[in-house]
Amino acid sequence: METIKNTSFGGERPLFAAHDLRLENVSFLPGESALKECSNIEAVECEFNGKYPFWHVDGFRIEKCLFKEGARAALWYSRGLVMKDTLVEAPKMFREMDGITLENVQIPDAQETLWHCANVSLKNVKVSNADYLFMHSHDISIEDYSQKGNYSFQYCRNVVIRNAVIHSKDAFWGTEDVTVYDSEIHGEYLGWHSKRLRLVNCHISGTQPLCYAAGLVMENCTMEEDCDLAFECSTVNATVNGHIVSVKNPRSGSITAGSYGEIIIDKNIKSPADCRIEVSGNKE
């Protein structure tokens, strides 16, 4: 493997179609497509300032690097990325990619990030300004995660999340086969139109959560006082520790909680309209 160190590149396509290359302490100045159509690339302690540096790359490792704001849309249409101990200040990262591992990564401006990606693993990752994060992505594993940004995980499939704190209006809309363990989820309209969303040991907040959901499961969860009008038109099997402020027209299944503020069953409930609502095992 060739090594390039302690230098800088600028302009357009300075390392186009490079293969088997290690970069150490290299600065990429404003320009475009610095490492396009490359394979087997390692970048350590490098700084990226130009647009589109890693497009159509097959196999690359990025450690202790910095992507400045000018390096927007840096990693698209690529495969086999491992990124560690890196700060990503640029938006529109990770698009149409297969095989992404991020560890100890911070993305403070994660607009339009991780769209249409597959086989993604995140550990100890923090993201902010992350509207529409992960849209249309699938086969995702996340652990020790912090997020601030709305409309996240829309239309995702096959997701497992552990030990996360997520602040996101409209999170998990239209998802399929998502499981969240030991996490906090804060934001309005959680999980609408989802299929087989499972929440285990989770704490949730926000108005009108978990409506129009199919196959919803909640195990040993808690809900804040602002979680009103929950479960409307949903098929659900839920065990909630403590109080639920209000439940409205759940479609089918069962809900068990310590207490309820209000249970609304009216003429608009959808069939089969047979959801059991219980307190400590006693039918309500």
C-alpha atoms as a PDB file:
ATOM      1  CA  MET A   1       0.000   0.000   0.000  1.00  0.00           C
ATOM      2  CA  GLU A   2       1.377   3.396  -0.986  1.00  0.00           C
ATOM      3  CA  THR A   3       1.507   6.082   1.740  1.00  0.00           C
ATOM      4  CA  ILE A   4       1.119   9.828   1.242  1.00  0.00           C
ATOM      5  CA  LYS A   5       1.648  12.045   4.268  1.00  0.00           C
ATOM      6  CA  ASN A   6       2.058  15.642   5.442  1.00  0.00           C
ATOM      7  CA  THR A   7       0.878  17.322   2.239  1.00  0.00           C
ATOM      8  CA  SER A   8      -2.190  18.924   0.668  1.00  0.00           C
ATOM      9  CA  PHE A   9      -4.276  18.610  -2.505  1.00  0.00           C
ATOM     10  CA  GLY A  10      -6.731  20.992  -4.143  1.00  0.00           C
ATOM     11  CA  GLY A  11      -8.688  21.397  -7.343  1.00  0.00           C
ATOM     12  CA  GLU A  12     -10.694  18.691  -9.090  1.00  0.00           C
ATOM     13  CA  ARG A  13     -10.016  14.939  -8.859  1.00  0.00           C
ATOM     14  CA  PRO A  14      -6.426  15.099  -7.527  1.00  0.00           C
ATOM     15  CA  LEU A  15      -6.421  11.385  -6.605  1.00  0.00           C
ATOM     16  CA  PHE A  16      -8.986  10.087  -9.053  1.00  0.00           C
ATOM     17  CA  ALA A  17      -9.080   6.274  -9.370  1.00  0.00           C
ATOM     18  CA  ALA A  18      -6.369   5.720  -6.748  1.00  0.00           C
ATOM     19  CA  HIS A  19      -6.155   2.240  -5.219  1.00  0.00           C
ATOM     20  CA  ASP A  20      -4.408   0.735  -2.183  1.00  0.00           C
ATOM     21  CA  LEU A  21      -3.528   4.140  -0.741  1.00  0.00           C
ATOM     22  CA  ARG A  22      -2.918   5.346   2.834  1.00  0.00           C
ATOM     23  CA  LEU A  23      -3.217   9.070   3.607  1.00  0.00           C
ATOM     24  CA  GLU A  24      -1.703  10.488   6.804  1.00  0.00           C
ATOM     25  CA  ASN A  25      -2.081  14.120   7.851  1.00  0.00           C
ATOM     26  CA  VAL A  26      -3.229  15.182   4.390  1.00  0.00           C
ATOM     27  CA  SER A  27      -5.318  18.324   3.856  1.00  0.00           C
ATOM     28  CA  PHE A  28      -7.791  18.422   0.978  1.00  0.00           C
ATOM     29  CA  LEU A  29      -8.363  22.044   0.003  1.00  0.00           C
ATOM     30  CA  PRO A  30     -11.499  23.387  -1.723  1.00  0.00           C
ATOM     31  CA  GLY A  31     -12.208  21.496  -4.929  1.00  0.00           C
ATOM     32  CA  GLU A  32     -14.250  18.495  -6.024  1.00  0.00           C
ATOM     33  CA  SER A  33     -14.127  14.701  -6.113  1.00  0.00           C
ATOM     34  CA  ALA A  34     -10.691  14.246  -4.552  1.00  0.00           C
ATOM     35  CA  LEU A  35     -10.939  10.449  -4.221  1.00  0.00           C
ATOM     36  CA  LYS A  36     -13.615   9.499  -6.703  1.00  0.00           C
ATOM     37  CA  GLU A  37     -13.677   5.953  -8.152  1.00  0.00           C
ATOM     38  CA  CYS A  38     -11.098   4.672  -5.644  1.00  0.00           C
ATOM     39  CA  SER A  39     -10.706   1.453  -3.657  1.00  0.00           C
ATOM     40  CA  ASN A  40      -8.889   0.262  -0.527  1.00  0.00           C
ATOM     41  CA  ILE A  41      -8.247   3.732   0.896  1.00  0.00           C
ATOM     42  CA  GLU A  42      -7.127   4.627   4.426  1.00  0.00           C
ATOM     43  CA  ALA A  43      -7.285   8.221   5.705  1.00  0.00           C
ATOM     44  CA  VAL A  44      -5.859   9.060   9.146  1.00  0.00           C
ATOM     45  CA  GLU A  45      -5.767  12.544  10.700  1.00  0.00           C
ATOM     46  CA  CYS A  46      -6.807  14.173   7.432  1.00  0.00           C
ATOM     47  CA  GLU A  47      -8.926  17.275   6.836  1.00  0.00           C
ATOM     48  CA  PHE A  48     -11.472  17.598   4.025  1.00  0.00           C
ATOM     49  CA  ASN A  49     -12.656  20.992   2.763  1.00  0.00           C
ATOM     50  CA  GLY A  50     -13.803  20.257  -0.806  1.00  0.00           C
ATOM     51  CA  LYS A  51     -17.051  18.772  -2.067  1.00  0.00           C
ATOM     52  CA  TYR A  52     -17.711  15.116  -2.899  1.00  0.00           C
ATOM     53  CA  PRO A  53     -14.347  13.620  -1.818  1.00  0.00           C
ATOM     54  CA  PHE A  54     -15.486   9.973  -1.529  1.00  0.00           C
ATOM     55  CA  TRP A  55     -17.861   9.041  -4.364  1.00  0.00           C
ATOM     56  CA  HIS A  56     -17.989   5.557  -5.886  1.00  0.00           C
ATOM     57  CA  VAL A  57     -15.368   4.227  -3.454  1.00  0.00           C
ATOM     58  CA  ASP A  58     -15.093   0.514  -2.688  1.00  0.00           C
ATOM     59  CA  GLY A  59     -13.523  -0.212   0.715  1.00  0.00           C
ATOM     60  CA  PHE A  60     -12.229   2.675   2.826  1.00  0.00           C
ATOM     61  CA  ARG A  61     -11.279   3.457   6.401  1.00  0.00           C
ATOM     62  CA  ILE A  62     -11.395   6.947   7.920  1.00  0.00           C
ATOM     63  CA  GLU A  63      -9.939   7.627  11.387  1.00  0.00           C
ATOM     64  CA  LYS A  64      -9.388  10.818  13.396  1.00  0.00           C
ATOM     65  CA  CYS A  65     -10.411  12.993  10.463  1.00  0.00           C
ATOM     66  CA  LEU A  66     -12.301  16.250  10.094  1.00  0.00           C
ATOM     67  CA  PHE A  67     -14.884  17.015   7.415  1.00  0.00           C
ATOM     68  CA  LYS A  68     -15.371  20.774   7.317  1.00  0.00           C
ATOM     69  CA  GLU A  69     -18.617  22.398   6.148  1.00  0.00           C
ATOM     70  CA  GLY A  70     -17.284  22.702   2.608  1.00  0.00           C
ATOM     71  CA  ALA A  71     -16.982  18.913   2.328  1.00  0.00           C
ATOM     72  CA  ARG A  72     -20.723  18.536   1.932  1.00  0.00           C
ATOM     73  CA  ALA A  73     -22.126  15.409   0.296  1.00  0.00           C
ATOM     74  CA  ALA A  74     -18.774  13.762   0.958  1.00  0.00           C
ATOM     75  CA  LEU A  75     -19.639  10.052   0.958  1.00  0.00           C
ATOM     76  CA  TRP A  76     -22.101   8.868  -1.689  1.00  0.00           C
ATOM     77  CA  TYR A  77     -22.575   5.762  -3.841  1.00  0.00           C
ATOM     78  CA  SER A  78     -19.844   3.859  -1.972  1.00  0.00           C
ATOM     79  CA  ARG A  79     -19.379   0.527  -0.196  1.00  0.00           C
ATOM     80  CA  GLY A  80     -17.503  -0.792   2.805  1.00  0.00           C
ATOM     81  CA  LEU A  81     -16.818   2.244   5.014  1.00  0.00           C
ATOM     82  CA  VAL A  82     -15.364   2.154   8.523  1.00  0.00           C
ATOM     83  CA  MET A  83     -15.233   5.604  10.170  1.00  0.00           C
ATOM     84  CA  LYS A  84     -13.913   6.126  13.714  1.00  0.00           C
ATOM     85  CA  ASP A  85     -13.087   9.047  16.019  1.00  0.00           C
ATOM     86  CA  THR A  86     -14.135  11.590  13.409  1.00  0.00           C
ATOM     87  CA  LEU A  87     -15.931  14.956  13.407  1.00  0.00           C
ATOM     88  CA  VAL A  88     -18.263  15.584  10.470  1.00  0.00           C
ATOM     89  CA  GLU A  89     -19.327  19.236  10.243  1.00  0.00           C
ATOM     90  CA  ALA A  90     -20.732  18.971   6.704  1.00  0.00           C
ATOM     91  CA  PRO A  91     -24.354  18.115   5.812  1.00  0.00           C
ATOM     92  CA  LYS A  92     -25.757  15.602   3.320  1.00  0.00           C
ATOM     93  CA  MET A  93     -23.405  12.793   4.283  1.00  0.00           C
ATOM     94  CA  PHE A  94     -23.744   9.064   3.487  1.00  0.00           C
ATOM     95  CA  ARG A  95     -26.117   8.602   0.545  1.00  0.00           C
ATOM     96  CA  GLU A  96     -26.878   5.440  -1.443  1.00  0.00           C
ATOM     97  CA  MET A  97     -24.227   3.453   0.461  1.00  0.00           C
ATOM     98  CA  ASP A  98     -23.940  -0.212   1.443  1.00  0.00           C
ATOM     99  CA  GLY A  99     -21.873  -1.228   4.477  1.00  0.00           C
ATOM    100  CA  ILE A 100     -21.262   1.647   6.916  1.00  0.00           C
ATOM    101  CA  THR A 101     -19.658   1.378  10.355  1.00  0.00           C
ATOM    102  CA  LEU A 102     -19.451   4.560  12.447  1.00  0.00           C
ATOM    103  CA  GLU A 103     -17.855   4.555  15.898  1.00  0.00           C
ATOM    104  CA  ASN A 104     -17.131   7.565  18.113  1.00  0.00           C
ATOM    105  CA  VAL A 105     -18.393   9.941  15.418  1.00  0.00           C
ATOM    106  CA  GLN A 106     -20.039  13.345  15.864  1.00  0.00           C
ATOM    107  CA  ILE A 107     -22.217  14.940  13.174  1.00  0.00           C
ATOM    108  CA  PRO A 108     -23.466  18.328  14.446  1.00  0.00           C
ATOM    109  CA  ASP A 109     -25.128  19.323  11.148  1.00  0.00           C
ATOM    110  CA  ALA A 110     -26.696  16.064   9.983  1.00  0.00           C
ATOM    111  CA  GLN A 111     -29.190  17.449   7.473  1.00  0.00           C
ATOM    112  CA  GLU A 112     -30.260  14.949   4.806  1.00  0.00           C
ATOM    113  CA  THR A 113     -27.838  12.371   6.138  1.00  0.00           C
ATOM    114  CA  LEU A 114     -27.849   8.566   5.800  1.00  0.00           C
ATOM    115  CA  TRP A 115     -30.462   8.401   3.047  1.00  0.00           C
ATOM    116  CA  HIS A 116     -31.041   5.175   1.105  1.00  0.00           C
ATOM    117  CA  CYS A 117     -28.290   3.293   2.942  1.00  0.00           C
ATOM    118  CA  ALA A 118     -28.054  -0.408   3.823  1.00  0.00           C
ATOM    119  CA  ASN A 119     -26.158  -2.463   6.403  1.00  0.00           C
ATOM    120  CA  VAL A 120     -25.350   0.377   8.793  1.00  0.00           C
ATOM    121  CA  SER A 121     -23.770   0.041  12.260  1.00  0.00           C
ATOM    122  CA  LEU A 122     -23.458   2.990  14.675  1.00  0.00           C
ATOM    123  CA  LYS A 123     -21.836   2.973  18.104  1.00  0.00           C
ATOM    124  CA  ASN A 124     -21.324   6.023  20.301  1.00  0.00           C
ATOM    125  CA  VAL A 125     -22.546   8.425  17.633  1.00  0.00           C
ATOM    126  CA  LYS A 126     -24.024  11.882  18.294  1.00  0.00           C
ATOM    127  CA  VAL A 127     -26.035  13.783  15.681  1.00  0.00           C
ATOM    128  CA  SER A 128     -27.786  17.167  15.724  1.00  0.00           C
ATOM    129  CA  ASN A 129     -29.793  19.244  13.229  1.00  0.00           C
ATOM    130  CA  ALA A 130     -30.678  15.832  11.837  1.00  0.00           C
ATOM    131  CA  ASP A 131     -34.003  16.290  10.059  1.00  0.00           C
ATOM    132  CA  TYR A 132     -34.977  13.294   7.897  1.00  0.00           C
ATOM    133  CA  LEU A 133     -32.059  11.215   9.162  1.00  0.00           C
ATOM    134  CA  PHE A 134     -31.917   7.625   7.819  1.00  0.00           C
ATOM    135  CA  MET A 135     -34.792   8.069   5.359  1.00  0.00           C
ATOM    136  CA  HIS A 136     -35.469   4.912   3.306  1.00  0.00           C
ATOM    137  CA  SER A 137     -32.552   2.987   4.866  1.00  0.00           C
ATOM    138  CA  HIS A 138     -32.551  -0.623   6.046  1.00  0.00           C
ATOM    139  CA  ASP A 139     -30.665  -3.219   8.102  1.00  0.00           C
ATOM    140  CA  ILE A 140     -29.429  -0.835  10.786  1.00  0.00           C
ATOM    141  CA  SER A 141     -27.845  -1.497  14.201  1.00  0.00           C
ATOM    142  CA  ILE A 142     -27.395   1.386  16.675  1.00  0.00           C
ATOM    143  CA  GLU A 143     -25.947   1.473  20.197  1.00  0.00           C
ATOM    144  CA  ASP A 144     -25.089   4.313  22.611  1.00  0.00           C
ATOM    145  CA  TYR A 145     -26.641   6.974  20.441  1.00  0.00           C
ATOM    146  CA  SER A 146     -27.807  10.595  20.823  1.00  0.00           C
ATOM    147  CA  GLN A 147     -29.968  12.426  18.270  1.00  0.00           C
ATOM    148  CA  LYS A 148     -31.638  15.817  17.861  1.00  0.00           C
ATOM    149  CA  GLY A 149     -33.595  16.131  14.603  1.00  0.00           C
ATOM    150  CA  ASN A 150     -37.130  15.586  13.364  1.00  0.00           C
ATOM    151  CA  TYR A 151     -38.706  13.091  10.943  1.00  0.00           C
ATOM    152  CA  SER A 152     -36.021  10.491  11.602  1.00  0.00           C
ATOM    153  CA  PHE A 153     -36.067   6.872  10.412  1.00  0.00           C
ATOM    154  CA  GLN A 154     -38.960   7.417   8.014  1.00  0.00           C
ATOM    155  CA  TYR A 155     -39.682   4.308   5.913  1.00  0.00           C
ATOM    156  CA  CYS A 156     -36.773   2.345   7.449  1.00  0.00           C
ATOM    157  CA  ARG A 157     -36.757  -1.455   7.714  1.00  0.00           C
ATOM    158  CA  ASN A 158     -34.995  -3.918  10.000  1.00  0.00           C
ATOM    159  CA  VAL A 159     -33.614  -1.587  12.673  1.00  0.00           C
ATOM    160  CA  VAL A 160     -32.343  -2.390  16.194  1.00  0.00           C
ATOM    161  CA  ILE A 161     -31.540   0.493  18.567  1.00  0.00           C
ATOM    162  CA  ARG A 162     -30.074   0.163  22.069  1.00  0.00           C
ATOM    163  CA  ASN A 163     -29.376   2.748  24.746  1.00  0.00           C
ATOM    164  CA  ALA A 164     -30.372   5.841  22.773  1.00  0.00           C
ATOM    165  CA  VAL A 165     -31.758   9.287  23.540  1.00  0.00           C
ATOM    166  CA  ILE A 166     -33.752  10.468  20.547  1.00  0.00           C
ATOM    167  CA  HIS A 167     -35.411  13.878  20.240  1.00  0.00           C
ATOM    168  CA  SER A 168     -37.438  13.679  17.040  1.00  0.00           C
ATOM    169  CA  LYS A 169     -40.909  14.745  15.994  1.00  0.00           C
ATOM    170  CA  ASP A 170     -42.496  12.144  13.705  1.00  0.00           C
ATOM    171  CA  ALA A 171     -39.870   9.485  14.403  1.00  0.00           C
ATOM    172  CA  PHE A 172     -40.331   5.994  12.902  1.00  0.00           C
ATOM    173  CA  TRP A 173     -43.143   6.895  10.491  1.00  0.00           C
ATOM    174  CA  GLY A 174     -43.910   4.131   8.038  1.00  0.00           C
ATOM    175  CA  THR A 175     -41.190   1.852   9.402  1.00  0.00           C
ATOM    176  CA  GLU A 176     -41.184  -1.934   9.343  1.00  0.00           C
ATOM    177  CA  ASP A 177     -39.581  -4.262  11.918  1.00  0.00           C
ATOM    178  CA  VAL A 178     -37.954  -1.746  14.244  1.00  0.00           C
ATOM    179  CA  THR A 179     -36.997  -2.671  17.834  1.00  0.00           C
ATOM    180  CA  VAL A 180     -35.814  -0.111  20.388  1.00  0.00           C
ATOM    181  CA  TYR A 181     -34.344  -1.197  23.735  1.00  0.00           C
ATOM    182  CA  ASP A 182     -33.543   0.792  26.907  1.00  0.00           C
ATOM    183  CA  SER A 183     -34.003   4.193  25.286  1.00  0.00           C
ATOM    184  CA  GLU A 184     -35.747   7.552  25.539  1.00  0.00           C
ATOM    185  CA  ILE A 185     -37.816   8.822  22.609  1.00  0.00           C
ATOM    186  CA  HIS A 186     -39.092  12.394  22.830  1.00  0.00           C
ATOM    187  CA  GLY A 187     -41.298  14.012  20.193  1.00  0.00           C
ATOM    188  CA  GLU A 188     -44.799  14.279  18.789  1.00  0.00           C
ATOM    189  CA  TYR A 189     -46.541  11.653  16.651  1.00  0.00           C
ATOM    190  CA  LEU A 190     -44.181   8.771  17.340  1.00  0.00           C
ATOM    191  CA  GLY A 191     -44.421   5.693  15.144  1.00  0.00           C
ATOM    192  CA  TRP A 192     -47.461   6.528  13.050  1.00  0.00           C
ATOM    193  CA  HIS A 193     -48.208   4.041  10.239  1.00  0.00           C
ATOM    194  CA  SER A 194     -45.441   1.733  11.462  1.00  0.00           C
ATOM    195  CA  LYS A 195     -45.524  -2.042  11.177  1.00  0.00           C
ATOM    196  CA  ARG A 196     -44.153  -4.279  13.935  1.00  0.00           C
ATOM    197  CA  LEU A 197     -42.566  -1.497  15.979  1.00  0.00           C
ATOM    198  CA  ARG A 198     -41.364  -2.917  19.310  1.00  0.00           C
ATOM    199  CA  LEU A 199     -40.363  -0.756  22.299  1.00  0.00           C
ATOM    200  CA  VAL A 200     -38.697  -2.490  25.254  1.00  0.00           C
ATOM    201  CA  ASN A 201     -37.821  -0.687  28.514  1.00  0.00           C
ATOM    202  CA  CYS A 202     -38.348   2.669  26.807  1.00  0.00           C
ATOM    203  CA  HIS A 203     -39.564   6.047  28.043  1.00  0.00           C
ATOM    204  CA  ILE A 204     -41.541   8.143  25.589  1.00  0.00           C
ATOM    205  CA  SER A 205     -42.981  11.652  25.512  1.00  0.00           C
ATOM    206  CA  GLY A 206     -45.001  13.722  23.056  1.00  0.00           C
ATOM    207  CA  THR A 207     -48.600  14.099  21.977  1.00  0.00           C
ATOM    208  CA  GLN A 208     -50.538  11.464  20.035  1.00  0.00           C
ATOM    209  CA  PRO A 209     -47.954   8.687  20.072  1.00  0.00           C
ATOM    210  CA  LEU A 210     -48.221   5.348  18.289  1.00  0.00           C
ATOM    211  CA  CYS A 211     -51.322   5.867  16.177  1.00  0.00           C
ATOM    212  CA  TYR A 212     -52.242   3.936  13.014  1.00  0.00           C
ATOM    213  CA  ALA A 213     -49.595   1.360  13.964  1.00  0.00           C
ATOM    214  CA  ALA A 214     -49.901  -2.313  13.033  1.00  0.00           C
ATOM    215  CA  GLY A 215     -48.443  -4.985  15.298  1.00  0.00           C
ATOM    216  CA  LEU A 216     -47.147  -2.500  17.885  1.00  0.00           C
ATOM    217  CA  VAL A 217     -45.528  -4.037  20.981  1.00  0.00           C
ATOM    218  CA  MET A 218     -44.548  -2.173  24.169  1.00  0.00           C
ATOM    219  CA  GLU A 219     -42.840  -4.014  27.009  1.00  0.00           C
ATOM    220  CA  ASN A 220     -42.114  -2.451  30.394  1.00  0.00           C
ATOM    221  CA  CYS A 221     -42.328   1.125  29.056  1.00  0.00           C
ATOM    222  CA  THR A 222     -43.256   4.464  30.630  1.00  0.00           C
ATOM    223  CA  MET A 223     -45.087   7.458  29.155  1.00  0.00           C
ATOM    224  CA  GLU A 224     -44.954  11.152  30.048  1.00  0.00           C
ATOM    225  CA  GLU A 225     -48.010  13.270  30.887  1.00  0.00           C
ATOM    226  CA  ASP A 226     -47.976  14.788  27.398  1.00  0.00           C
ATOM    227  CA  CYS A 227     -48.580  11.384  25.754  1.00  0.00           C
ATOM    228  CA  ASP A 228     -52.267  12.076  25.173  1.00  0.00           C
ATOM    229  CA  LEU A 229     -54.598  10.440  22.641  1.00  0.00           C
ATOM    230  CA  ALA A 230     -52.342   7.412  22.326  1.00  0.00           C
ATOM    231  CA  PHE A 231     -52.859   4.324  20.140  1.00  0.00           C
ATOM    232  CA  GLU A 232     -55.625   5.645  17.886  1.00  0.00           C
ATOM    233  CA  CYS A 233     -56.453   3.113  15.142  1.00  0.00           C
ATOM    234  CA  SER A 234     -53.572   0.867  16.232  1.00  0.00           C
ATOM    235  CA  THR A 235     -53.306  -2.863  16.816  1.00  0.00           C
ATOM    236  CA  VAL A 236     -51.245  -3.044  19.963  1.00  0.00           C
ATOM    237  CA  ASN A 237     -50.000  -5.216  22.796  1.00  0.00           C
ATOM    238  CA  ALA A 238     -48.647  -2.834  25.440  1.00  0.00           C
ATOM    239  CA  THR A 239     -47.524  -3.051  29.034  1.00  0.00           C
ATOM    240  CA  VAL A 240     -46.940   0.422  30.452  1.00  0.00           C
ATOM    241  CA  ASN A 241     -45.617   1.042  33.925  1.00  0.00           C
ATOM    242  CA  GLY A 242     -47.473   3.912  35.573  1.00  0.00           C
ATOM    243  CA  HIS A 243     -49.999   6.321  34.123  1.00  0.00           C
ATOM    244  CA  ILE A 244     -51.290   6.919  30.592  1.00  0.00           C
ATOM    245  CA  VAL A 245     -52.987  10.309  30.310  1.00  0.00           C
ATOM    246  CA  SER A 246     -55.372   9.229  27.542  1.00  0.00           C
ATOM    247  CA  VAL A 247     -56.063   6.374  25.134  1.00  0.00           C
ATOM    248  CA  LYS A 248     -58.229   6.896  22.056  1.00  0.00           C
ATOM    249  CA  ASN A 249     -59.935   4.270  19.917  1.00  0.00           C
ATOM    250  CA  PRO A 250     -57.295   1.511  19.778  1.00  0.00           C
ATOM    251  CA  ARG A 251     -58.293  -0.953  17.098  1.00  0.00           C
ATOM    252  CA  SER A 252     -57.333  -4.310  18.595  1.00  0.00           C
ATOM    253  CA  GLY A 253     -55.002  -6.088  21.040  1.00  0.00           C
ATOM    254  CA  SER A 254     -54.451  -5.233  24.695  1.00  0.00           C
ATOM    255  CA  ILE A 255     -53.152  -2.355  26.822  1.00  0.00           C
ATOM    256  CA  THR A 256     -52.205  -2.698  30.466  1.00  0.00           C
ATOM    257  CA  ALA A 257     -51.157   0.283  32.601  1.00  0.00           C
ATOM    258  CA  GLY A 258     -51.114   1.343  36.235  1.00  0.00           C
ATOM    259  CA  SER A 259     -53.786   3.962  35.642  1.00  0.00           C
ATOM    260  CA  TYR A 260     -55.478   6.074  32.979  1.00  0.00           C
ATOM    261  CA  GLY A 261     -56.575   9.690  32.867  1.00  0.00           C
ATOM    262  CA  GLU A 262     -59.116   9.145  30.104  1.00  0.00           C
ATOM    263  CA  ILE A 263     -60.204   6.316  27.836  1.00  0.00           C
ATOM    264  CA  ILE A 264     -61.991   7.540  24.699  1.00  0.00           C
ATOM    265  CA  ILE A 265     -64.049   4.984  22.797  1.00  0.00           C
ATOM    266  CA  ASP A 266     -66.478   6.585  20.354  1.00  0.00           C
ATOM    267  CA  LYS A 267     -68.344   5.910  17.115  1.00  0.00           C
ATOM    268  CA  ASN A 268     -65.197   6.466  15.060  1.00  0.00           C
ATOM    269  CA  ILE A 269     -63.377   3.395  16.373  1.00  0.00           C
ATOM    270  CA  LYS A 270     -62.370   0.997  13.608  1.00  0.00           C
ATOM    271  CA  SER A 271     -63.164  -2.717  13.586  1.00  0.00           C
ATOM    272  CA  PRO A 272     -62.639  -5.138  15.111  1.00  0.00           C
ATOM    273  CA  ALA A 273     -62.775  -2.661  18.036  1.00  0.00           C
ATOM    274  CA  ASP A 274     -61.916  -5.367  20.562  1.00  0.00           C
ATOM    275  CA  CYS A 275     -58.833  -3.991  22.325  1.00  0.00           C
ATOM    276  CA  ARG A 276     -58.697  -4.957  25.999  1.00  0.00           C
ATOM    277  CA  ILE A 277     -57.762  -2.015  28.255  1.00  0.00           C
ATOM    278  CA  GLU A 278     -56.741  -3.169  31.723  1.00  0.00           C
ATOM    279  CA  VAL A 279     -55.391  -1.916  35.027  1.00  0.00           C
ATOM    280  CA  SER A 280     -53.178  -4.370  36.904  1.00  0.00           C
ATOM    281  CA  GLY A 281     -54.838  -7.294  35.127  1.00  0.00           C
ATOM    282  CA  ASN A 282     -58.377  -6.128  35.830  1.00  0.00           C
ATOM    283  CA  LYS A 283     -60.475  -5.292  32.819  1.00  0.00           C
ATOM    284  CA  GLU A 284     -61.222  -1.559  32.607  1.00  0.00           C
END
